[in-house]
Amino acid sequence: MPGPTGLHSHDLDFQMVYVLAGTCRFDYGPHGVHDLVAGDCVHQPPGVPHDLLSRSADCQILEITSPAEFSTQAL
């Protein structure tokens, strides 16, 4: 499985993560570490620092963003 994505943020208006299958662990910086399972949905406010720390082999994540194209800043 790929490793952590590294703490970063995005320049966008809206970002939502929906876990379709499996499990994953996100670090939301000052908002703490959260374990997500299939069926969980998280709204990531614009500019919030986050890092996908780990995911199960069967993990599938759907991300909805606006706009569709955006920049990413490593933190």
PDB file of N, CA and C in Angstrom:
ATOM      1  N   MET A   1       0.839  -1.187   0.000  1.00  0.00           N
ATOM      2  CA  MET A   1       0.000   0.000   0.000  1.00  0.00           C
ATOM      3  C   MET A   1       0.882   1.246   0.000  1.00  0.00           C
ATOM      4  N   PRO A   2       0.459   2.275  -0.697  1.00  0.00           N
ATOM      5  CA  PRO A   2       1.211   3.529  -0.674  1.00  0.00           C
ATOM      6  C   PRO A   2       1.303   4.086   0.737  1.00  0.00           C
ATOM      7  N   GLY A   3       2.363   4.828   0.995  1.00  0.00           N
ATOM      8  CA  GLY A   3       2.554   5.428   2.310  1.00  0.00           C
ATOM      9  C   GLY A   3       1.737   6.693   2.477  1.00  0.00           C
ATOM     10  N   PRO A   4       2.005   7.419   3.550  1.00  0.00           N
ATOM     11  CA  PRO A   4       1.290   8.668   3.809  1.00  0.00           C
ATOM     12  C   PRO A   4       1.448   9.663   2.663  1.00  0.00           C
ATOM     13  N   THR A   5       0.462  10.529   2.520  1.00  0.00           N
ATOM     14  CA  THR A   5       0.514  11.543   1.464  1.00  0.00           C
ATOM     15  C   THR A   5       1.348  12.741   1.884  1.00  0.00           C
ATOM     16  N   GLY A   6       1.628  12.864   3.180  1.00  0.00           N
ATOM     17  CA  GLY A   6       2.319  14.041   3.696  1.00  0.00           C
ATOM     18  C   GLY A   6       1.308  15.138   3.990  1.00  0.00           C
ATOM     19  N   LEU A   7       1.545  15.894   5.043  1.00  0.00           N
ATOM     20  CA  LEU A   7       0.613  16.948   5.432  1.00  0.00           C
ATOM     21  C   LEU A   7       0.575  18.007   4.334  1.00  0.00           C
ATOM     22  N   HIS A   8      -0.636  18.332   3.882  1.00  0.00           N
ATOM     23  CA  HIS A   8      -0.816  19.280   2.792  1.00  0.00           C
ATOM     24  C   HIS A   8      -2.188  19.938   2.910  1.00  0.00           C
ATOM     25  N   SER A   9      -2.421  20.945   2.096  1.00  0.00           N
ATOM     26  CA  SER A   9      -3.736  21.575   1.994  1.00  0.00           C
ATOM     27  C   SER A   9      -3.992  21.899   0.530  1.00  0.00           C
ATOM     28  N   HIS A  10      -5.244  22.198   0.229  1.00  0.00           N
ATOM     29  CA  HIS A  10      -5.636  22.498  -1.145  1.00  0.00           C
ATOM     30  C   HIS A  10      -6.274  23.876  -1.214  1.00  0.00           C
ATOM     31  N   ASP A  11      -6.076  24.533  -2.345  1.00  0.00           N
ATOM     32  CA  ASP A  11      -6.714  25.812  -2.618  1.00  0.00           C
ATOM     33  C   ASP A  11      -7.987  25.528  -3.413  1.00  0.00           C
ATOM     34  N   LEU A  12      -9.087  25.298  -2.679  1.00  0.00           N
ATOM     35  CA  LEU A  12     -10.358  24.996  -3.325  1.00  0.00           C
ATOM     36  C   LEU A  12     -11.500  25.509  -2.469  1.00  0.00           C
ATOM     37  N   ASP A  13     -12.713  25.415  -2.996  1.00  0.00           N
ATOM     38  CA  ASP A  13     -13.895  25.911  -2.289  1.00  0.00           C
ATOM     39  C   ASP A  13     -14.604  24.823  -1.495  1.00  0.00           C
ATOM     40  N   PHE A  14     -14.485  23.556  -1.931  1.00  0.00           N
ATOM     41  CA  PHE A  14     -15.219  22.461  -1.295  1.00  0.00           C
ATOM     42  C   PHE A  14     -14.455  21.162  -1.500  1.00  0.00           C
ATOM     43  N   GLN A  15     -14.382  20.341  -0.445  1.00  0.00           N
ATOM     44  CA  GLN A  15     -13.785  19.005  -0.555  1.00  0.00           C
ATOM     45  C   GLN A  15     -14.515  18.075   0.401  1.00  0.00           C
ATOM     46  N   MET A  16     -14.994  16.962  -0.143  1.00  0.00           N
ATOM     47  CA  MET A  16     -15.672  15.950   0.649  1.00  0.00           C
ATOM     48  C   MET A  16     -15.046  14.596   0.346  1.00  0.00           C
ATOM     49  N   VAL A  17     -14.842  13.799   1.382  1.00  0.00           N
ATOM     50  CA  VAL A  17     -14.288  12.453   1.249  1.00  0.00           C
ATOM     51  C   VAL A  17     -15.356  11.465   1.690  1.00  0.00           C
ATOM     52  N   TYR A  18     -15.643  10.473   0.843  1.00  0.00           N
ATOM     53  CA  TYR A  18     -16.586   9.405   1.182  1.00  0.00           C
ATOM     54  C   TYR A  18     -15.844   8.081   1.037  1.00  0.00           C
ATOM     55  N   VAL A  19     -15.845   7.273   2.092  1.00  0.00           N
ATOM     56  CA  VAL A  19     -15.155   5.981   2.063  1.00  0.00           C
ATOM     57  C   VAL A  19     -16.125   4.935   1.518  1.00  0.00           C
ATOM     58  N   LEU A  20     -15.828   4.436   0.321  1.00  0.00           N
ATOM     59  CA  LEU A  20     -16.676   3.438  -0.331  1.00  0.00           C
ATOM     60  C   LEU A  20     -16.443   2.042   0.227  1.00  0.00           C
ATOM     61  N   ALA A  21     -15.190   1.719   0.544  1.00  0.00           N
ATOM     62  CA  ALA A  21     -14.840   0.378   1.036  1.00  0.00           C
ATOM     63  C   ALA A  21     -13.577   0.473   1.874  1.00  0.00           C
ATOM     64  N   GLY A  22     -13.425  -0.480   2.785  1.00  0.00           N
ATOM     65  CA  GLY A  22     -12.209  -0.559   3.578  1.00  0.00           C
ATOM     66  C   GLY A  22     -12.149   0.489   4.679  1.00  0.00           C
ATOM     67  N   THR A  23     -10.913   0.770   5.099  1.00  0.00           N
ATOM     68  CA  THR A  23     -10.671   1.725   6.181  1.00  0.00           C
ATOM     69  C   THR A  23      -9.496   2.622   5.822  1.00  0.00           C
ATOM     70  N   CYS A  24      -9.436   3.778   6.471  1.00  0.00           N
ATOM     71  CA  CYS A  24      -8.305   4.678   6.283  1.00  0.00           C
ATOM     72  C   CYS A  24      -8.162   5.558   7.517  1.00  0.00           C
ATOM     73  N   ARG A  25      -6.995   6.148   7.653  1.00  0.00           N
ATOM     74  CA  ARG A  25      -6.696   7.029   8.788  1.00  0.00           C
ATOM     75  C   ARG A  25      -6.174   8.350   8.241  1.00  0.00           C
ATOM     76  N   PHE A  26      -6.837   9.432   8.620  1.00  0.00           N
ATOM     77  CA  PHE A  26      -6.443  10.779   8.219  1.00  0.00           C
ATOM     78  C   PHE A  26      -5.939  11.551   9.420  1.00  0.00           C
ATOM     79  N   ASP A  27      -4.894  12.347   9.207  1.00  0.00           N
ATOM     80  CA  ASP A  27      -4.431  13.319  10.190  1.00  0.00           C
ATOM     81  C   ASP A  27      -4.911  14.681   9.705  1.00  0.00           C
ATOM     82  N   TYR A  28      -5.739  15.346  10.515  1.00  0.00           N
ATOM     83  CA  TYR A  28      -6.252  16.668  10.163  1.00  0.00           C
ATOM     84  C   TYR A  28      -5.549  17.760  10.957  1.00  0.00           C
ATOM     85  N   GLY A  29      -4.241  17.591  11.161  1.00  0.00           N
ATOM     86  CA  GLY A  29      -3.441  18.617  11.836  1.00  0.00           C
ATOM     87  C   GLY A  29      -4.019  18.969  13.193  1.00  0.00           C
ATOM     88  N   PRO A  30      -4.387  20.232  13.393  1.00  0.00           N
ATOM     89  CA  PRO A  30      -4.884  20.658  14.703  1.00  0.00           C
ATOM     90  C   PRO A  30      -6.224  20.025  15.082  1.00  0.00           C
ATOM     91  N   HIS A  31      -6.889  19.381  14.133  1.00  0.00           N
ATOM     92  CA  HIS A  31      -8.190  18.753  14.391  1.00  0.00           C
ATOM     93  C   HIS A  31      -8.063  17.278  14.753  1.00  0.00           C
ATOM     94  N   GLY A  32      -6.831  16.745  14.799  1.00  0.00           N
ATOM     95  CA  GLY A  32      -6.595  15.381  15.260  1.00  0.00           C
ATOM     96  C   GLY A  32      -6.591  14.323  14.173  1.00  0.00           C
ATOM     97  N   VAL A  33      -6.361  13.086  14.613  1.00  0.00           N
ATOM     98  CA  VAL A  33      -6.319  11.914  13.738  1.00  0.00           C
ATOM     99  C   VAL A  33      -7.676  11.224  13.796  1.00  0.00           C
ATOM    100  N   HIS A  34      -8.186  10.836  12.626  1.00  0.00           N
ATOM    101  CA  HIS A  34      -9.505  10.206  12.553  1.00  0.00           C
ATOM    102  C   HIS A  34      -9.432   8.932  11.721  1.00  0.00           C
ATOM    103  N   ASP A  35     -10.014   7.860  12.266  1.00  0.00           N
ATOM    104  CA  ASP A  35     -10.129   6.589  11.558  1.00  0.00           C
ATOM    105  C   ASP A  35     -11.485   6.547  10.875  1.00  0.00           C
ATOM    106  N   LEU A  36     -11.483   6.267   9.578  1.00  0.00           N
ATOM    107  CA  LEU A  36     -12.710   6.221   8.798  1.00  0.00           C
ATOM    108  C   LEU A  36     -12.940   4.812   8.281  1.00  0.00           C
ATOM    109  N   VAL A  37     -14.209   4.429   8.187  1.00  0.00           N
ATOM    110  CA  VAL A  37     -14.596   3.112   7.676  1.00  0.00           C
ATOM    111  C   VAL A  37     -15.603   3.310   6.552  1.00  0.00           C
ATOM    112  N   ALA A  38     -15.851   2.234   5.801  1.00  0.00           N
ATOM    113  CA  ALA A  38     -16.805   2.290   4.695  1.00  0.00           C
ATOM    114  C   ALA A  38     -18.114   2.915   5.171  1.00  0.00           C
ATOM    115  N   GLY A  39     -18.595   3.891   4.406  1.00  0.00           N
ATOM    116  CA  GLY A  39     -19.825   4.592   4.737  1.00  0.00           C
ATOM    117  C   GLY A  39     -19.598   5.931   5.410  1.00  0.00           C
ATOM    118  N   ASP A  40     -18.380   6.177   5.908  1.00  0.00           N
ATOM    119  CA  ASP A  40     -18.079   7.465   6.540  1.00  0.00           C
ATOM    120  C   ASP A  40     -17.902   8.548   5.480  1.00  0.00           C
ATOM    121  N   CYS A  41     -18.325   9.746   5.837  1.00  0.00           N
ATOM    122  CA  CYS A  41     -18.224  10.901   4.950  1.00  0.00           C
ATOM    123  C   CYS A  41     -17.670  12.067   5.756  1.00  0.00           C
ATOM    124  N   VAL A  42     -16.683  12.775   5.204  1.00  0.00           N
ATOM    125  CA  VAL A  42     -16.048  13.890   5.899  1.00  0.00           C
ATOM    126  C   VAL A  42     -16.003  15.101   4.973  1.00  0.00           C
ATOM    127  N   HIS A  43     -16.471  16.235   5.481  1.00  0.00           N
ATOM    128  CA  HIS A  43     -16.296  17.503   4.775  1.00  0.00           C
ATOM    129  C   HIS A  43     -14.982  18.096   5.256  1.00  0.00           C
ATOM    130  N   GLN A  44     -14.059  18.328   4.338  1.00  0.00           N
ATOM    131  CA  GLN A  44     -12.773  18.939   4.675  1.00  0.00           C
ATOM    132  C   GLN A  44     -12.857  20.415   4.305  1.00  0.00           C
ATOM    133  N   PRO A  45     -12.951  21.303   5.296  1.00  0.00           N
ATOM    134  CA  PRO A  45     -13.069  22.734   4.999  1.00  0.00           C
ATOM    135  C   PRO A  45     -11.898  23.229   4.143  1.00  0.00           C
ATOM    136  N   PRO A  46     -12.124  24.268   3.343  1.00  0.00           N
ATOM    137  CA  PRO A  46     -11.052  24.804   2.509  1.00  0.00           C
ATOM    138  C   PRO A  46      -9.811  25.138   3.336  1.00  0.00           C
ATOM    139  N   GLY A  47      -8.662  24.686   2.849  1.00  0.00           N
ATOM    140  CA  GLY A  47      -7.388  25.004   3.480  1.00  0.00           C
ATOM    141  C   GLY A  47      -7.023  24.170   4.688  1.00  0.00           C
ATOM    142  N   VAL A  48      -7.891  23.241   5.117  1.00  0.00           N
ATOM    143  CA  VAL A  48      -7.565  22.441   6.304  1.00  0.00           C
ATOM    144  C   VAL A  48      -6.375  21.526   5.989  1.00  0.00           C
ATOM    145  N   PRO A  49      -5.354  21.505   6.859  1.00  0.00           N
ATOM    146  CA  PRO A  49      -4.224  20.599   6.630  1.00  0.00           C
ATOM    147  C   PRO A  49      -4.666  19.158   6.853  1.00  0.00           C
ATOM    148  N   HIS A  50      -4.217  18.257   5.987  1.00  0.00           N
ATOM    149  CA  HIS A  50      -4.567  16.848   6.140  1.00  0.00           C
ATOM    150  C   HIS A  50      -3.507  15.955   5.517  1.00  0.00           C
ATOM    151  N   ASP A  51      -3.503  14.702   5.981  1.00  0.00           N
ATOM    152  CA  ASP A  51      -2.536  13.695   5.529  1.00  0.00           C
ATOM    153  C   ASP A  51      -3.230  12.346   5.605  1.00  0.00           C
ATOM    154  N   LEU A  52      -3.302  11.638   4.495  1.00  0.00           N
ATOM    155  CA  LEU A  52      -3.832  10.272   4.497  1.00  0.00           C
ATOM    156  C   LEU A  52      -2.711   9.378   5.012  1.00  0.00           C
ATOM    157  N   LEU A  53      -2.782   9.008   6.292  1.00  0.00           N
ATOM    158  CA  LEU A  53      -1.694   8.276   6.947  1.00  0.00           C
ATOM    159  C   LEU A  53      -1.599   6.828   6.497  1.00  0.00           C
ATOM    160  N   SER A  54      -2.743   6.159   6.413  1.00  0.00           N
ATOM    161  CA  SER A  54      -2.741   4.743   6.039  1.00  0.00           C
ATOM    162  C   SER A  54      -4.108   4.361   5.502  1.00  0.00           C
ATOM    163  N   ARG A  55      -4.133   3.244   4.791  1.00  0.00           N
ATOM    164  CA  ARG A  55      -5.393   2.723   4.249  1.00  0.00           C
ATOM    165  C   ARG A  55      -5.289   1.225   4.105  1.00  0.00           C
ATOM    166  N   SER A  56      -6.423   0.545   4.208  1.00  0.00           N
ATOM    167  CA  SER A  56      -6.448  -0.904   4.046  1.00  0.00           C
ATOM    168  C   SER A  56      -6.276  -1.248   2.568  1.00  0.00           C
ATOM    169  N   ALA A  57      -5.928  -2.503   2.315  1.00  0.00           N
ATOM    170  CA  ALA A  57      -5.700  -2.949   0.939  1.00  0.00           C
ATOM    171  C   ALA A  57      -6.954  -2.794   0.080  1.00  0.00           C
ATOM    172  N   ASP A  58      -8.126  -2.886   0.696  1.00  0.00           N
ATOM    173  CA  ASP A  58      -9.382  -2.796  -0.055  1.00  0.00           C
ATOM    174  C   ASP A  58     -10.006  -1.398  -0.012  1.00  0.00           C
ATOM    175  N   CYS A  59      -9.266  -0.418   0.467  1.00  0.00           N
ATOM    176  CA  CYS A  59      -9.803   0.937   0.631  1.00  0.00           C
ATOM    177  C   CYS A  59     -10.124   1.576  -0.721  1.00  0.00           C
ATOM    178  N   GLN A  60     -11.323   2.137  -0.807  1.00  0.00           N
ATOM    179  CA  GLN A  60     -11.741   2.918  -1.967  1.00  0.00           C
ATOM    180  C   GLN A  60     -12.349   4.214  -1.445  1.00  0.00           C
ATOM    181  N   ILE A  61     -11.845   5.333  -1.936  1.00  0.00           N
ATOM    182  CA  ILE A  61     -12.292   6.646  -1.477  1.00  0.00           C
ATOM    183  C   ILE A  61     -12.800   7.446  -2.668  1.00  0.00           C
ATOM    184  N   LEU A  62     -13.952   8.074  -2.489  1.00  0.00           N
ATOM    185  CA  LEU A  62     -14.498   9.003  -3.471  1.00  0.00           C
ATOM    186  C   LEU A  62     -14.297  10.409  -2.922  1.00  0.00           C
ATOM    187  N   GLU A  63     -13.639  11.270  -3.690  1.00  0.00           N
ATOM    188  CA  GLU A  63     -13.462  12.664  -3.287  1.00  0.00           C
ATOM    189  C   GLU A  63     -14.241  13.550  -4.247  1.00  0.00           C
ATOM    190  N   ILE A  64     -14.995  14.479  -3.685  1.00  0.00           N
ATOM    191  CA  ILE A  64     -15.737  15.452  -4.478  1.00  0.00           C
ATOM    192  C   ILE A  64     -15.159  16.821  -4.148  1.00  0.00           C
ATOM    193  N   THR A  65     -14.731  17.537  -5.184  1.00  0.00           N
ATOM    194  CA  THR A  65     -14.108  18.844  -4.975  1.00  0.00           C
ATOM    195  C   THR A  65     -14.713  19.889  -5.902  1.00  0.00           C
ATOM    196  N   SER A  66     -14.598  21.123  -5.484  1.00  0.00           N
ATOM    197  CA  SER A  66     -14.977  22.249  -6.326  1.00  0.00           C
ATOM    198  C   SER A  66     -13.990  23.377  -6.048  1.00  0.00           C
ATOM    199  N   PRO A  67     -13.356  23.853  -7.097  1.00  0.00           N
ATOM    200  CA  PRO A  67     -13.440  23.410  -8.476  1.00  0.00           C
ATOM    201  C   PRO A  67     -12.753  22.057  -8.674  1.00  0.00           C
ATOM    202  N   ALA A  68     -12.934  21.484  -9.856  1.00  0.00           N
ATOM    203  CA  ALA A  68     -12.350  20.171 -10.142  1.00  0.00           C
ATOM    204  C   ALA A  68     -10.827  20.231 -10.187  1.00  0.00           C
ATOM    205  N   GLU A  69     -10.277  21.325 -10.651  1.00  0.00           N
ATOM    206  CA  GLU A  69      -8.824  21.499 -10.693  1.00  0.00           C
ATOM    207  C   GLU A  69      -8.427  22.504  -9.625  1.00  0.00           C
ATOM    208  N   PHE A  70      -7.391  22.160  -8.844  1.00  0.00           N
ATOM    209  CA  PHE A  70      -6.967  23.007  -7.732  1.00  0.00           C
ATOM    210  C   PHE A  70      -5.498  22.771  -7.456  1.00  0.00           C
ATOM    211  N   SER A  71      -4.896  23.689  -6.709  1.00  0.00           N
ATOM    212  CA  SER A  71      -3.484  23.543  -6.350  1.00  0.00           C
ATOM    213  C   SER A  71      -3.366  22.906  -4.968  1.00  0.00           C
ATOM    214  N   THR A  72      -2.200  22.280  -4.727  1.00  0.00           N
ATOM    215  CA  THR A  72      -1.903  21.624  -3.455  1.00  0.00           C
ATOM    216  C   THR A  72      -0.621  22.219  -2.892  1.00  0.00           C
ATOM    217  N   GLN A  73      -0.639  22.511  -1.594  1.00  0.00           N
ATOM    218  CA  GLN A  73       0.534  23.056  -0.928  1.00  0.00           C
ATOM    219  C   GLN A  73       1.019  22.062   0.118  1.00  0.00           C
ATOM    220  N   ALA A  74       2.279  21.625  -0.004  1.00  0.00           N
ATOM    221  CA  ALA A  74       2.879  20.767   1.020  1.00  0.00           C
ATOM    222  C   ALA A  74       3.136  21.616   2.256  1.00  0.00           C
ATOM    223  N   LEU A  75       2.893  21.035   3.430  1.00  0.00           N
ATOM    224  CA  LEU A  75       3.075  21.773   4.684  1.00  0.00           C
ATOM    225  C   LEU A  75       4.164  21.148   5.524  1.00  0.00           C
TER     226      LEU A  75
END
